[in-house]
PDB file of N, CA and C in Angstrom:
ATOM      1  N   UNK A   1      59.575  78.340  42.343  1.00  0.00           N
ATOM      2  CA  UNK A   1      60.702  77.689  42.984  1.00  0.00           C
ATOM      3  C   UNK A   1      61.547  77.017  41.901  1.00  0.00           C
ATOM      4  N   UNK A   2      62.845  77.195  41.977  1.00  0.00           N
ATOM      5  CA  UNK A   2      63.744  76.609  40.991  1.00  0.00           C
ATOM      6  C   UNK A   2      64.028  75.146  41.298  1.00  0.00           C
ATOM      7  N   UNK A   3      64.425  74.426  40.255  1.00  0.00           N
ATOM      8  CA  UNK A   3      64.711  73.000  40.409  1.00  0.00           C
ATOM      9  C   UNK A   3      65.774  72.757  41.477  1.00  0.00           C
ATOM     10  N   UNK A   4      66.802  73.580  41.508  1.00  0.00           N
ATOM     11  CA  UNK A   4      67.869  73.425  42.500  1.00  0.00           C
ATOM     12  C   UNK A   4      67.307  73.497  43.916  1.00  0.00           C
ATOM     13  N   UNK A   5      66.404  74.417  44.165  1.00  0.00           N
ATOM     14  CA  UNK A   5      65.794  74.557  45.489  1.00  0.00           C
ATOM     15  C   UNK A   5      64.935  73.345  45.831  1.00  0.00           C
ATOM     16  N   UNK A   6      64.214  72.836  44.834  1.00  0.00           N
ATOM     17  CA  UNK A   6      63.372  71.663  45.074  1.00  0.00           C
ATOM     18  C   UNK A   6      64.228  70.440  45.422  1.00  0.00           C
ATOM     19  N   UNK A   7      65.318  70.262  44.677  1.00  0.00           N
ATOM     20  CA  UNK A   7      66.217  69.141  44.948  1.00  0.00           C
ATOM     21  C   UNK A   7      66.800  69.266  46.353  1.00  0.00           C
ATOM     22  N   UNK A   8      67.214  70.465  46.707  1.00  0.00           N
ATOM     23  CA  UNK A   8      67.780  70.700  48.037  1.00  0.00           C
ATOM     24  C   UNK A   8      66.762  70.409  49.131  1.00  0.00           C
ATOM     25  N   UNK A   9      65.529  70.839  48.940  1.00  0.00           N
ATOM     26  CA  UNK A   9      64.477  70.582  49.926  1.00  0.00           C
ATOM     27  C   UNK A   9      64.193  69.088  50.064  1.00  0.00           C
ATOM     28  N   UNK A  10      64.145  68.390  48.936  1.00  0.00           N
ATOM     29  CA  UNK A  10      63.879  66.949  48.981  1.00  0.00           C
ATOM     30  C   UNK A  10      65.032  66.216  49.662  1.00  0.00           C
ATOM     31  N   UNK A  11      66.269  66.625  49.355  1.00  0.00           N
ATOM     32  CA  UNK A  11      67.424  66.012  50.022  1.00  0.00           C
ATOM     33  C   UNK A  11      67.362  66.223  51.530  1.00  0.00           C
ATOM     34  N   UNK A  12      67.036  67.434  51.946  1.00  0.00           N
ATOM     35  CA  UNK A  12      66.956  67.729  53.381  1.00  0.00           C
ATOM     36  C   UNK A  12      65.857  66.900  54.044  1.00  0.00           C
ATOM     37  N   UNK A  13      64.721  66.790  53.382  1.00  0.00           N
ATOM     38  CA  UNK A  13      63.619  65.991  53.927  1.00  0.00           C
ATOM     39  C   UNK A  13      63.966  64.518  54.012  1.00  0.00           C
ATOM     40  N   UNK A  14      64.654  64.026  52.991  1.00  0.00           N
ATOM     41  CA  UNK A  14      65.054  62.620  52.982  1.00  0.00           C
ATOM     42  C   UNK A  14      66.069  62.337  54.074  1.00  0.00           C
ATOM     43  N   UNK A  15      67.018  63.238  54.266  1.00  0.00           N
ATOM     44  CA  UNK A  15      67.994  63.074  55.346  1.00  0.00           C
ATOM     45  C   UNK A  15      67.290  63.049  56.703  1.00  0.00           C
ATOM     46  N   UNK A  16      66.299  63.909  56.890  1.00  0.00           N
ATOM     47  CA  UNK A  16      65.546  63.926  58.154  1.00  0.00           C
ATOM     48  C   UNK A  16      64.803  62.608  58.352  1.00  0.00           C
ATOM     49  N   UNK A  17      64.248  62.066  57.269  1.00  0.00           N
ATOM     50  CA  UNK A  17      63.554  60.779  57.361  1.00  0.00           C
ATOM     51  C   UNK A  17      64.523  59.670  57.760  1.00  0.00           C
ATOM     52  N   UNK A  18      65.702  59.689  57.159  1.00  0.00           N
ATOM     53  CA  UNK A  18      66.711  58.673  57.486  1.00  0.00           C
ATOM     54  C   UNK A  18      67.074  58.749  58.967  1.00  0.00           C
ATOM     55  N   UNK A  19      67.246  59.953  59.474  1.00  0.00           N
ATOM     56  CA  UNK A  19      67.554  60.124  60.893  1.00  0.00           C
ATOM     57  C   UNK A  19      66.415  59.606  61.767  1.00  0.00           C
ATOM     58  N   UNK A  20      65.182  59.870  61.374  1.00  0.00           N
ATOM     59  CA  UNK A  20      64.023  59.400  62.143  1.00  0.00           C
ATOM     60  C   UNK A  20      63.928  57.883  62.128  1.00  0.00           C
ATOM     61  N   UNK A  21      64.142  57.277  60.958  1.00  0.00           N
ATOM     62  CA  UNK A  21      64.123  55.819  60.881  1.00  0.00           C
ATOM     63  C   UNK A  21      65.211  55.221  61.761  1.00  0.00           C
ATOM     64  N   UNK A  22      66.394  55.813  61.726  1.00  0.00           N
ATOM     65  CA  UNK A  22      67.502  55.308  62.539  1.00  0.00           C
ATOM     66  C   UNK A  22      67.165  55.364  64.021  1.00  0.00           C
ATOM     67  N   UNK A  23      66.584  56.463  64.444  1.00  0.00           N
ATOM     68  CA  UNK A  23      66.199  56.589  65.855  1.00  0.00           C
ATOM     69  C   UNK A  23      65.135  55.552  66.211  1.00  0.00           C
ATOM     70  N   UNK A  24      64.160  55.370  65.327  1.00  0.00           N
ATOM     71  CA  UNK A  24      63.103  54.387  65.587  1.00  0.00           C
ATOM     72  C   UNK A  24      63.679  52.976  65.680  1.00  0.00           C
ATOM     73  N   UNK A  25      64.640  52.681  64.814  1.00  0.00           N
ATOM     74  CA  UNK A  25      65.270  51.352  64.831  1.00  0.00           C
ATOM     75  C   UNK A  25      65.949  51.097  66.170  1.00  0.00           C
ATOM     76  N   UNK A  26      66.680  52.087  66.661  1.00  0.00           N
ATOM     77  CA  UNK A  26      67.413  51.889  67.915  1.00  0.00           C
ATOM     78  C   UNK A  26      66.497  51.780  69.125  1.00  0.00           C
ATOM     79  N   UNK A  27      65.275  52.257  68.988  1.00  0.00           N
ATOM     80  CA  UNK A  27      64.351  52.241  70.119  1.00  0.00           C
ATOM     81  C   UNK A  27      63.261  51.182  69.986  1.00  0.00           C
ATOM     82  N   UNK A  28      63.320  50.382  68.936  1.00  0.00           N
ATOM     83  CA  UNK A  28      62.247  49.428  68.653  1.00  0.00           C
ATOM     84  C   UNK A  28      62.555  48.051  69.239  1.00  0.00           C
ATOM     85  N   UNK A  29      61.623  47.525  70.011  1.00  0.00           N
ATOM     86  CA  UNK A  29      61.792  46.203  70.609  1.00  0.00           C
ATOM     87  C   UNK A  29      61.173  45.103  69.746  1.00  0.00           C
ATOM     88  N   UNK A  30      60.198  45.440  68.926  1.00  0.00           N
ATOM     89  CA  UNK A  30      59.519  44.470  68.077  1.00  0.00           C
ATOM     90  C   UNK A  30      60.368  44.212  66.828  1.00  0.00           C
ATOM     91  N   UNK A  31      60.848  42.984  66.659  1.00  0.00           N
ATOM     92  CA  UNK A  31      61.774  42.666  65.573  1.00  0.00           C
ATOM     93  C   UNK A  31      61.153  42.885  64.196  1.00  0.00           C
ATOM     94  N   UNK A  32      59.890  42.566  64.030  1.00  0.00           N
ATOM     95  CA  UNK A  32      59.237  42.743  62.729  1.00  0.00           C
ATOM     96  C   UNK A  32      59.132  44.226  62.380  1.00  0.00           C
ATOM     97  N   UNK A  33      58.750  45.040  63.356  1.00  0.00           N
ATOM     98  CA  UNK A  33      58.660  46.478  63.123  1.00  0.00           C
ATOM     99  C   UNK A  33      60.053  47.062  62.889  1.00  0.00           C
ATOM    100  N   UNK A  34      61.019  46.575  63.643  1.00  0.00           N
ATOM    101  CA  UNK A  34      62.412  47.020  63.467  1.00  0.00           C
ATOM    102  C   UNK A  34      62.893  46.737  62.046  1.00  0.00           C
ATOM    103  N   UNK A  35      62.605  45.543  61.542  1.00  0.00           N
ATOM    104  CA  UNK A  35      62.993  45.177  60.176  1.00  0.00           C
ATOM    105  C   UNK A  35      62.309  46.071  59.143  1.00  0.00           C
ATOM    106  N   UNK A  36      61.072  46.426  59.400  1.00  0.00           N
ATOM    107  CA  UNK A  36      60.352  47.323  58.495  1.00  0.00           C
ATOM    108  C   UNK A  36      61.009  48.694  58.471  1.00  0.00           C
ATOM    109  N   UNK A  37      61.354  49.216  59.643  1.00  0.00           N
ATOM    110  CA  UNK A  37      62.061  50.500  59.707  1.00  0.00           C
ATOM    111  C   UNK A  37      63.406  50.436  58.991  1.00  0.00           C
ATOM    112  N   UNK A  38      64.112  49.321  59.155  1.00  0.00           N
ATOM    113  CA  UNK A  38      65.403  49.163  58.491  1.00  0.00           C
ATOM    114  C   UNK A  38      65.241  49.167  56.970  1.00  0.00           C
ATOM    115  N   UNK A  39      64.209  48.494  56.483  1.00  0.00           N
ATOM    116  CA  UNK A  39      63.954  48.469  55.044  1.00  0.00           C
ATOM    117  C   UNK A  39      63.611  49.872  54.532  1.00  0.00           C
ATOM    118  N   UNK A  40      62.768  50.579  55.273  1.00  0.00           N
ATOM    119  CA  UNK A  40      62.409  51.945  54.879  1.00  0.00           C
ATOM    120  C   UNK A  40      63.628  52.861  54.888  1.00  0.00           C
ATOM    121  N   UNK A  41      64.483  52.704  55.901  1.00  0.00           N
ATOM    122  CA  UNK A  41      65.703  53.513  55.961  1.00  0.00           C
ATOM    123  C   UNK A  41      66.615  53.209  54.791  1.00  0.00           C
ATOM    124  N   UNK A  42      66.780  51.921  54.466  1.00  0.00           N
ATOM    125  CA  UNK A  42      67.636  51.535  53.346  1.00  0.00           C
ATOM    126  C   UNK A  42      67.126  52.117  52.032  1.00  0.00           C
ATOM    127  N   UNK A  43      65.820  52.074  51.834  1.00  0.00           N
ATOM    128  CA  UNK A  43      65.228  52.636  50.621  1.00  0.00           C
ATOM    129  C   UNK A  43      65.431  54.150  50.569  1.00  0.00           C
ATOM    130  N   UNK A  44      65.268  54.806  51.706  1.00  0.00           N
ATOM    131  CA  UNK A  44      65.465  56.258  51.767  1.00  0.00           C
ATOM    132  C   UNK A  44      66.925  56.611  51.489  1.00  0.00           C
ATOM    133  N   UNK A  45      67.854  55.792  51.996  1.00  0.00           N
ATOM    134  CA  UNK A  45      69.278  56.028  51.739  1.00  0.00           C
ATOM    135  C   UNK A  45      69.595  55.876  50.253  1.00  0.00           C
ATOM    136  N   UNK A  46      69.015  54.876  49.612  1.00  0.00           N
ATOM    137  CA  UNK A  46      69.233  54.679  48.177  1.00  0.00           C
ATOM    138  C   UNK A  46      68.676  55.863  47.385  1.00  0.00           C
ATOM    139  N   UNK A  47      67.479  56.315  47.748  1.00  0.00           N
ATOM    140  CA  UNK A  47      66.868  57.455  47.077  1.00  0.00           C
ATOM    141  C   UNK A  47      67.717  58.710  47.273  1.00  0.00           C
ATOM    142  N   UNK A  48      68.184  58.915  48.500  1.00  0.00           N
ATOM    143  CA  UNK A  48      68.998  60.095  48.796  1.00  0.00           C
ATOM    144  C   UNK A  48      70.268  60.083  47.967  1.00  0.00           C
ATOM    145  N   UNK A  49      70.897  58.925  47.840  1.00  0.00           N
ATOM    146  CA  UNK A  49      72.144  58.842  47.083  1.00  0.00           C
ATOM    147  C   UNK A  49      71.895  59.089  45.596  1.00  0.00           C
ATOM    148  N   UNK A  50      70.814  58.551  45.061  1.00  0.00           N
ATOM    149  CA  UNK A  50      70.472  58.783  43.653  1.00  0.00           C
ATOM    150  C   UNK A  50      70.210  60.267  43.400  1.00  0.00           C
ATOM    151  N   UNK A  51      69.484  60.894  44.300  1.00  0.00           N
ATOM    152  CA  UNK A  51      69.190  62.316  44.152  1.00  0.00           C
ATOM    153  C   UNK A  51      70.464  63.146  44.307  1.00  0.00           C
ATOM    154  N   UNK A  52      71.337  62.745  45.227  1.00  0.00           N
ATOM    155  CA  UNK A  52      72.625  63.417  45.381  1.00  0.00           C
ATOM    156  C   UNK A  52      73.417  63.356  44.077  1.00  0.00           C
ATOM    157  N   UNK A  53      73.439  62.178  43.430  1.00  0.00           N
ATOM    158  CA  UNK A  53      74.172  62.030  42.181  1.00  0.00           C
ATOM    159  C   UNK A  53      73.623  62.954  41.102  1.00  0.00           C
ATOM    160  N   UNK A  54      72.313  63.082  41.037  1.00  0.00           N
ATOM    161  CA  UNK A  54      71.683  63.996  40.068  1.00  0.00           C
ATOM    162  C   UNK A  54      72.077  65.434  40.379  1.00  0.00           C
ATOM    163  N   UNK A  55      72.001  65.804  41.654  1.00  0.00           N
ATOM    164  CA  UNK A  55      72.344  67.165  42.066  1.00  0.00           C
ATOM    165  C   UNK A  55      73.804  67.470  41.742  1.00  0.00           C
ATOM    166  N   UNK A  56      74.662  66.503  41.957  1.00  0.00           N
ATOM    167  CA  UNK A  56      76.088  66.703  41.675  1.00  0.00           C
ATOM    168  C   UNK A  56      76.315  66.865  40.168  1.00  0.00           C
ATOM    169  N   UNK A  57      75.654  66.030  39.358  1.00  0.00           N
ATOM    170  CA  UNK A  57      75.796  66.107  37.899  1.00  0.00           C
ATOM    171  C   UNK A  57      75.331  67.452  37.357  1.00  0.00           C
ATOM    172  N   UNK A  58      74.275  67.997  37.953  1.00  0.00           N
ATOM    173  CA  UNK A  58      73.717  69.262  37.486  1.00  0.00           C
ATOM    174  C   UNK A  58      74.457  70.466  38.069  1.00  0.00           C
ATOM    175  N   UNK A  59      75.413  70.206  38.952  1.00  0.00           N
ATOM    176  CA  UNK A  59      76.178  71.294  39.548  1.00  0.00           C
ATOM    177  C   UNK A  59      75.471  71.976  40.706  1.00  0.00           C
ATOM    178  N   UNK A  60      74.421  71.347  41.233  1.00  0.00           N
ATOM    179  CA  UNK A  60      73.688  71.911  42.372  1.00  0.00           C
ATOM    180  C   UNK A  60      74.424  71.675  43.679  1.00  0.00           C
ATOM    181  N   UNK A  61      75.298  70.684  43.667  1.00  0.00           N
ATOM    182  CA  UNK A  61      76.002  70.301  44.888  1.00  0.00           C
ATOM    183  C   UNK A  61      77.456  70.028  44.536  1.00  0.00           C
ATOM    184  N   UNK A  62      78.343  70.631  45.265  1.00  0.00           N
ATOM    185  CA  UNK A  62      79.772  70.390  45.081  1.00  0.00           C
ATOM    186  C   UNK A  62      80.295  69.783  46.385  1.00  0.00           C
ATOM    187  N   UNK A  63      80.652  68.497  46.350  1.00  0.00           N
ATOM    188  CA  UNK A  63      81.108  67.856  47.586  1.00  0.00           C
ATOM    189  C   UNK A  63      82.463  68.389  48.023  1.00  0.00           C
ATOM    190  N   UNK A  64      82.762  68.174  49.270  1.00  0.00           N
ATOM    191  CA  UNK A  64      84.065  68.556  49.806  1.00  0.00           C
ATOM    192  C   UNK A  64      85.144  67.750  49.090  1.00  0.00           C
ATOM    193  N   UNK A  65      86.347  68.286  49.015  1.00  0.00           N
ATOM    194  CA  UNK A  65      87.416  67.512  48.376  1.00  0.00           C
ATOM    195  C   UNK A  65      87.698  66.241  49.171  1.00  0.00           C
ATOM    196  N   UNK A  66      88.214  65.222  48.491  1.00  0.00           N
ATOM    197  CA  UNK A  66      88.499  63.966  49.187  1.00  0.00           C
ATOM    198  C   UNK A  66      89.511  64.169  50.308  1.00  0.00           C
ATOM    199  N   UNK A  67      89.319  63.428  51.372  1.00  0.00           N
ATOM    200  CA  UNK A  67      90.248  63.486  52.501  1.00  0.00           C
ATOM    201  C   UNK A  67      91.537  62.772  52.127  1.00  0.00           C
ATOM    202  N   UNK A  68      92.627  63.245  52.679  1.00  0.00           N
ATOM    203  CA  UNK A  68      93.886  62.544  52.412  1.00  0.00           C
ATOM    204  C   UNK A  68      93.972  61.322  53.330  1.00  0.00           C
ATOM    205  N   UNK A  69      94.884  60.429  53.002  1.00  0.00           N
ATOM    206  CA  UNK A  69      95.001  59.162  53.720  1.00  0.00           C
ATOM    207  C   UNK A  69      95.292  59.356  55.201  1.00  0.00           C
ATOM    208  N   UNK A  70      96.061  60.368  55.550  1.00  0.00           N
ATOM    209  CA  UNK A  70      96.386  60.643  56.955  1.00  0.00           C
ATOM    210  C   UNK A  70      95.127  61.016  57.738  1.00  0.00           C
ATOM    211  N   UNK A  71      94.282  61.864  57.143  1.00  0.00           N
ATOM    212  CA  UNK A  71      93.025  62.256  57.800  1.00  0.00           C
ATOM    213  C   UNK A  71      92.109  61.051  57.990  1.00  0.00           C
ATOM    214  N   UNK A  72      92.048  60.199  56.983  1.00  0.00           N
ATOM    215  CA  UNK A  72      91.196  59.001  57.067  1.00  0.00           C
ATOM    216  C   UNK A  72      91.683  58.095  58.195  1.00  0.00           C
ATOM    217  N   UNK A  73      92.980  57.892  58.263  1.00  0.00           N
ATOM    218  CA  UNK A  73      93.542  57.027  59.308  1.00  0.00           C
ATOM    219  C   UNK A  73      93.290  57.612  60.699  1.00  0.00           C
ATOM    220  N   UNK A  74      93.383  58.932  60.800  1.00  0.00           N
ATOM    221  CA  UNK A  74      93.151  59.597  62.081  1.00  0.00           C
ATOM    222  C   UNK A  74      91.707  59.393  62.544  1.00  0.00           C
ATOM    223  N   UNK A  75      90.770  59.494  61.627  1.00  0.00           N
ATOM    224  CA  UNK A  75      89.362  59.281  61.965  1.00  0.00           C
ATOM    225  C   UNK A  75      89.143  57.822  62.364  1.00  0.00           C
ATOM    226  N   UNK A  76      89.708  56.896  61.577  1.00  0.00           N
ATOM    227  CA  UNK A  76      89.577  55.466  61.905  1.00  0.00           C
ATOM    228  C   UNK A  76      90.119  55.171  63.295  1.00  0.00           C
ATOM    229  N   UNK A  77      91.287  55.704  63.593  1.00  0.00           N
ATOM    230  CA  UNK A  77      91.900  55.477  64.898  1.00  0.00           C
ATOM    231  C   UNK A  77      91.041  56.047  66.021  1.00  0.00           C
ATOM    232  N   UNK A  78      90.508  57.224  65.805  1.00  0.00           N
ATOM    233  CA  UNK A  78      89.670  57.857  66.821  1.00  0.00           C
ATOM    234  C   UNK A  78      88.388  57.084  67.060  1.00  0.00           C
ATOM    235  N   UNK A  79      87.798  56.562  65.996  1.00  0.00           N
ATOM    236  CA  UNK A  79      86.542  55.827  66.142  1.00  0.00           C
ATOM    237  C   UNK A  79      86.759  54.425  66.686  1.00  0.00           C
ATOM    238  N   UNK A  80      87.787  53.754  66.253  1.00  0.00           N
ATOM    239  CA  UNK A  80      88.011  52.388  66.718  1.00  0.00           C
ATOM    240  C   UNK A  80      88.611  52.341  68.118  1.00  0.00           C
ATOM    241  N   UNK A  81      89.307  53.406  68.487  1.00  0.00           N
ATOM    242  CA  UNK A  81      89.926  53.431  69.813  1.00  0.00           C
ATOM    243  C   UNK A  81      88.987  53.907  70.905  1.00  0.00           C
ATOM    244  N   UNK A  82      87.800  54.352  70.509  1.00  0.00           N
ATOM    245  CA  UNK A  82      86.837  54.820  71.502  1.00  0.00           C
ATOM    246  C   UNK A  82      87.172  56.175  72.077  1.00  0.00           C
ATOM    247  N   UNK A  83      88.114  56.875  71.457  1.00  0.00           N
ATOM    248  CA  UNK A  83      88.478  58.196  71.951  1.00  0.00           C
ATOM    249  C   UNK A  83      87.895  59.249  71.029  1.00  0.00           C
ATOM    250  N   UNK A  84      87.641  60.399  71.581  1.00  0.00           N
ATOM    251  CA  UNK A  84      87.113  61.507  70.794  1.00  0.00           C
ATOM    252  C   UNK A  84      88.215  62.090  69.931  1.00  0.00           C
ATOM    253  N   UNK A  85      87.834  62.525  68.738  1.00  0.00           N
ATOM    254  CA  UNK A  85      88.804  63.159  67.848  1.00  0.00           C
ATOM    255  C   UNK A  85      89.006  64.595  68.280  1.00  0.00           C
ATOM    256  N   UNK A  86      90.203  65.085  68.069  1.00  0.00           N
ATOM    257  CA  UNK A  86      90.538  66.460  68.458  1.00  0.00           C
ATOM    258  C   UNK A  86      90.532  67.351  67.269  1.00  0.00           C
TER     259      UNK A  86
END
């Protein structure tokens, strides 16, 4: 297995973990357990971002081009207004 494939697999696994932690947080009634899940999610997010930066530096990942200001404003308006984006 090549390094690029390993990085991609780890990124995918980390993203899945972040999603699982987020779901657990939203469904957790125990504040201490909720805080633990939040800490684990935060650590996983930091790890994912560090690994993303490595992947980007090595050319394993090419992010989408930056959004223009009009697109950003449209998304903000759609999210803050409670309406679905078209």
